[in-house]
Protein backbone atom coordinates (compact mmCIF):
# COMPACT_ATOMS: atom_id res chain seq x y z
CA MET A 1 160.22 -139.08 -82.61
CA SER A 2 158.74 -140.47 -85.77
CA HIS A 3 155.06 -140.67 -86.65
CA GLU A 4 155.04 -144.45 -86.12
CA ASP A 5 156.59 -144.08 -82.63
CA SER A 6 154.05 -141.44 -81.64
CA ALA A 7 151.22 -143.67 -82.84
CA ALA A 8 152.61 -146.57 -80.84
CA TYR A 9 152.70 -144.49 -77.62
CA ASN A 10 149.15 -143.13 -78.14
CA PRO A 11 146.61 -145.78 -77.12
CA PRO A 12 143.18 -145.64 -78.76
CA HIS A 13 140.73 -143.39 -76.98
CA GLU A 14 137.30 -144.40 -75.78
CA ASP A 15 135.71 -142.14 -78.38
CA ASP A 16 137.27 -144.27 -81.09
CA HIS A 17 135.55 -147.36 -79.71
CA ILE A 18 132.23 -145.54 -79.53
CA ASP A 19 132.58 -144.33 -83.13
CA GLY A 20 133.34 -147.86 -84.26
CA ARG A 21 130.27 -149.27 -82.52
CA VAL A 22 128.05 -146.59 -84.01
CA ALA A 23 129.45 -147.33 -87.48
CA ASP A 24 128.82 -151.06 -87.02
CA LYS A 25 125.25 -150.48 -85.85
CA SER A 26 124.55 -148.16 -88.77
CA LYS A 27 125.38 -151.02 -91.15
CA VAL A 28 122.92 -153.39 -89.49
CA GLY A 29 119.56 -153.60 -91.31
CA PRO A 30 116.49 -155.83 -91.17
CA PRO A 31 116.95 -159.45 -92.20
CA VAL A 32 116.37 -160.48 -95.79
CA TRP A 33 113.21 -162.44 -94.97
CA VAL A 34 111.68 -159.34 -93.36
CA LYS A 35 112.33 -157.35 -96.52
CA ARG A 36 110.77 -160.10 -98.63
CA ILE A 37 107.67 -160.24 -96.46
CA VAL A 38 107.25 -156.47 -96.63
CA LEU A 39 107.74 -156.55 -100.41
CA ALA A 40 105.18 -159.36 -100.76
CA ILE A 41 102.64 -157.44 -98.66
CA VAL A 42 103.16 -154.31 -100.77
CA LEU A 43 102.78 -156.28 -104.02
CA VAL A 44 99.61 -157.97 -102.80
CA GLY A 45 98.17 -154.61 -101.76
CA VAL A 46 98.99 -153.06 -105.14
CA ALA A 47 97.54 -156.05 -106.98
CA TYR A 48 94.33 -155.83 -104.95
CA VAL A 49 93.94 -152.13 -105.70
CA VAL A 50 94.55 -152.76 -109.41
CA TYR A 51 91.97 -155.55 -109.32
CA LEU A 52 89.36 -153.29 -107.74
CA LEU A 53 89.99 -150.55 -110.28
CA SER A 54 89.91 -153.02 -113.16
CA ALA A 55 86.70 -154.66 -111.93
CA ALA A 56 85.04 -151.25 -111.75
CA PHE A 57 86.01 -150.23 -115.29
CA PHE A 58 87.01 -152.95 -117.74
CA PRO A 59 83.86 -155.17 -117.85
CA ARG A 60 81.60 -152.31 -118.90
CA TRP A 61 84.25 -150.90 -121.25
CA TRP A 62 84.82 -154.27 -122.95
CA ALA A 63 81.11 -154.97 -123.29
CA GLN A 64 80.65 -151.62 -124.99
CA ARG A 65 83.53 -152.30 -127.42
CA VAL A 66 82.04 -155.68 -128.32
CA ALA A 67 78.58 -154.15 -128.70
CA ASP A 68 79.99 -151.61 -131.16
CA GLN A 69 81.45 -154.45 -133.25
CA VAL A 70 78.43 -156.75 -133.12
CA ASP A 71 75.77 -154.06 -133.41
CA GLY A 72 72.99 -156.32 -132.12
CA THR A 73 73.32 -159.02 -134.81
CA VAL A 74 73.42 -162.66 -133.74
CA SER A 75 75.53 -163.77 -136.70
CA ARG A 76 78.15 -161.07 -136.11
CA GLY A 77 78.13 -161.82 -132.39
CA THR A 78 78.78 -165.49 -133.13
CA LEU A 79 81.57 -164.77 -135.61
CA TRP A 80 83.30 -162.25 -133.36
CA GLY A 81 82.96 -164.57 -130.38
CA LEU A 82 84.48 -167.49 -132.29
CA PHE A 83 87.29 -165.25 -133.50
CA TYR A 84 88.24 -163.87 -130.11
CA GLY A 85 87.79 -167.18 -128.34
CA PHE A 86 89.75 -169.24 -130.87
CA VAL A 87 92.66 -166.94 -131.76
CA PHE A 88 93.30 -165.56 -128.28
CA SER A 89 93.32 -169.00 -126.71
CA LEU A 90 95.22 -170.89 -129.43
CA VAL A 91 98.22 -168.54 -129.53
CA PRO A 92 98.63 -168.18 -125.72
CA ALA A 93 98.21 -171.93 -125.22
CA LEU A 94 100.91 -172.68 -127.81
CA MET A 95 103.22 -170.23 -126.06
CA LEU A 96 102.58 -171.80 -122.67
CA PHE A 97 103.25 -175.27 -124.06
CA GLN A 98 106.69 -174.05 -125.18
CA LEU A 99 107.69 -173.70 -121.54
CA ARG A 100 108.33 -177.44 -121.43
CA HIS A 101 111.58 -177.02 -123.39
CA ARG A 102 114.61 -177.16 -121.16
CA PHE A 103 116.68 -174.71 -123.18
CA TYR A 104 114.50 -171.86 -121.88
CA SER A 105 115.81 -170.23 -118.74
CA TRP A 106 113.46 -169.40 -115.89
CA THR A 107 113.62 -165.75 -116.89
CA TRP A 108 112.45 -166.47 -120.42
CA ARG A 109 109.79 -168.82 -119.13
CA GLY A 110 108.43 -166.06 -116.94
CA ILE A 111 108.46 -163.63 -119.88
CA LEU A 112 106.64 -166.10 -122.13
CA ALA A 113 104.05 -166.78 -119.44
CA VAL A 114 103.38 -163.06 -118.97
CA VAL A 115 103.12 -162.50 -122.74
CA ALA A 116 100.72 -165.45 -123.08
CA ILE A 117 98.50 -164.09 -120.31
CA VAL A 118 98.46 -160.65 -121.93
CA LEU A 119 97.62 -162.10 -125.35
CA ALA A 120 94.60 -163.83 -123.84
CA ALA A 121 93.27 -160.47 -122.58
CA PRO A 122 90.09 -160.48 -124.72
CA ASN A 123 89.01 -163.76 -123.21
CA TRP A 124 89.88 -162.59 -119.70
CA LEU A 125 87.77 -159.49 -120.27
CA THR A 126 84.82 -161.57 -121.46
CA LEU A 127 85.24 -163.78 -118.41
CA SER A 128 85.19 -160.71 -116.17
CA VAL A 129 81.79 -159.82 -117.62
CA VAL A 130 80.40 -163.34 -117.29
CA ALA A 131 81.80 -164.25 -113.87
CA GLY A 132 82.16 -160.82 -112.29
CA ASN A 133 80.05 -159.62 -109.35
CA SER A 134 80.71 -155.89 -109.63
CA ASN A 135 78.29 -153.30 -110.92
CA ALA A 136 80.42 -152.93 -114.04
CA ALA A 137 80.14 -156.68 -114.72
CA HIS A 138 76.35 -156.61 -114.36
CA ALA A 139 76.19 -153.59 -116.64
CA GLY A 140 78.40 -155.43 -119.15
CA GLU A 141 76.05 -158.42 -119.09
CA ARG A 142 73.06 -156.20 -119.87
CA ILE A 143 74.95 -154.54 -122.72
CA MET A 144 75.90 -157.89 -124.24
CA ASP A 145 72.38 -159.27 -123.82
CA VAL A 146 70.99 -156.45 -125.93
CA ASP A 147 73.78 -155.41 -128.31
CA ALA A 148 76.02 -158.53 -128.55
CA PRO A 149 73.77 -161.62 -128.65
CA GLY A 150 75.57 -164.92 -129.11
CA PHE A 151 78.99 -163.47 -128.35
CA ARG A 152 79.59 -165.10 -124.97
CA ALA A 153 78.53 -168.61 -126.01
CA ALA A 154 80.55 -168.39 -129.21
CA THR A 155 83.57 -167.19 -127.24
CA LEU A 156 83.38 -170.25 -125.01
CA ILE A 157 83.20 -172.55 -128.03
CA GLY A 158 86.16 -170.74 -129.60
CA VAL A 159 88.22 -171.07 -126.41
CA ILE A 160 87.57 -174.80 -126.22
CA ALA A 161 88.42 -175.27 -129.90
CA GLY A 162 91.58 -173.17 -129.62
CA VAL A 163 92.91 -175.01 -126.57
CA ALA A 164 92.06 -178.38 -128.13
CA LEU A 165 93.90 -177.50 -131.34
CA ALA A 166 96.90 -176.28 -129.34
CA VAL A 167 97.00 -179.59 -127.47
CA ILE A 168 96.77 -181.55 -130.75
CA ILE A 169 99.55 -179.49 -132.36
CA THR A 170 101.77 -179.92 -129.31
CA VAL A 171 101.22 -183.69 -129.09
CA LEU A 172 101.87 -184.14 -132.82
CA SER A 173 105.05 -182.06 -132.63
CA MET A 174 106.28 -184.10 -129.66
CA ARG A 175 105.62 -187.36 -131.52
CA LEU A 176 107.30 -186.05 -134.65
CA LYS A 177 110.34 -185.01 -132.63
CA ALA A 178 110.45 -188.43 -130.97
CA ARG A 179 110.31 -190.14 -134.38
CA ARG A 180 113.10 -187.95 -135.72
CA THR A 181 115.22 -188.78 -132.70
CA GLU A 182 114.54 -192.50 -133.21
CA VAL A 183 115.40 -192.30 -136.91
CA LYS A 184 118.62 -190.47 -136.09
CA ARG A 185 119.53 -193.10 -133.53
CA LEU A 186 118.85 -195.94 -135.99
CA ARG A 187 120.95 -194.25 -138.67
CA THR A 188 123.80 -193.83 -136.22
CA GLU A 189 123.61 -197.51 -135.28
CA ARG A 190 123.51 -198.48 -138.97
CA ASP A 191 126.59 -196.39 -139.80
CA GLU A 192 128.42 -197.81 -136.80
CA LEU A 193 127.55 -201.35 -137.88
CA ARG A 194 128.80 -200.66 -141.40
CA ARG A 195 132.08 -199.31 -140.09
CA THR A 196 132.47 -202.35 -137.86
CA ARG A 197 131.84 -204.72 -140.76
CA GLY A 198 134.27 -202.80 -142.97
CA THR A 199 136.95 -203.03 -140.31
CA ASP A 200 136.38 -206.79 -139.89
CA GLU A 201 136.55 -207.40 -143.64
CA GLY A 202 139.75 -205.37 -143.91
CA SER A 203 141.40 -207.35 -141.15
CA ARG A 204 140.40 -210.63 -142.80
CA GLU A 205 141.90 -209.57 -146.13
CA GLN A 206 145.18 -208.76 -144.43
CA LEU A 207 145.22 -212.25 -142.93
């Protein structure tokens, strides 16, 4: 008797069915939406812990760094505030405005957004001192009051000026692009009209 004949005369045992059911159940996992909810909860928890640690450290640390640069002088506090506020709002705002272009994929848009947020870190740190409620934020306010006068007000002015300039640059670039597109369209229509006239004149000469 061949191997195929012996297999045909040997019906599957009950153990084989049990093994198959166990294998099928081992492949069954939680639904995708459950995994996403768990992942979201974990990310929120991690973000909250990072926020608490940052709020307890960075405001005081940033205020001390600014105080070392300003050294209690109003003029230096104003200049440094204008510098940080203007530069670190202009560049991130210009990067964020680039997200309007359709040739960027969603991945690159996310990368640009993250980079823009990171580049604005000095202004975020100053905001954490001004608007924070932690002990570190209150300590940072006292440090800036004594050793960095004029810095916070100048930073706000610099942020407003930087964002305003970014908006102006973006609007002007959009208008310039629209004008270039219109000029290109008019040139195309002009060339098409010339070709049409040349074809008509050639047909008339043949007649």
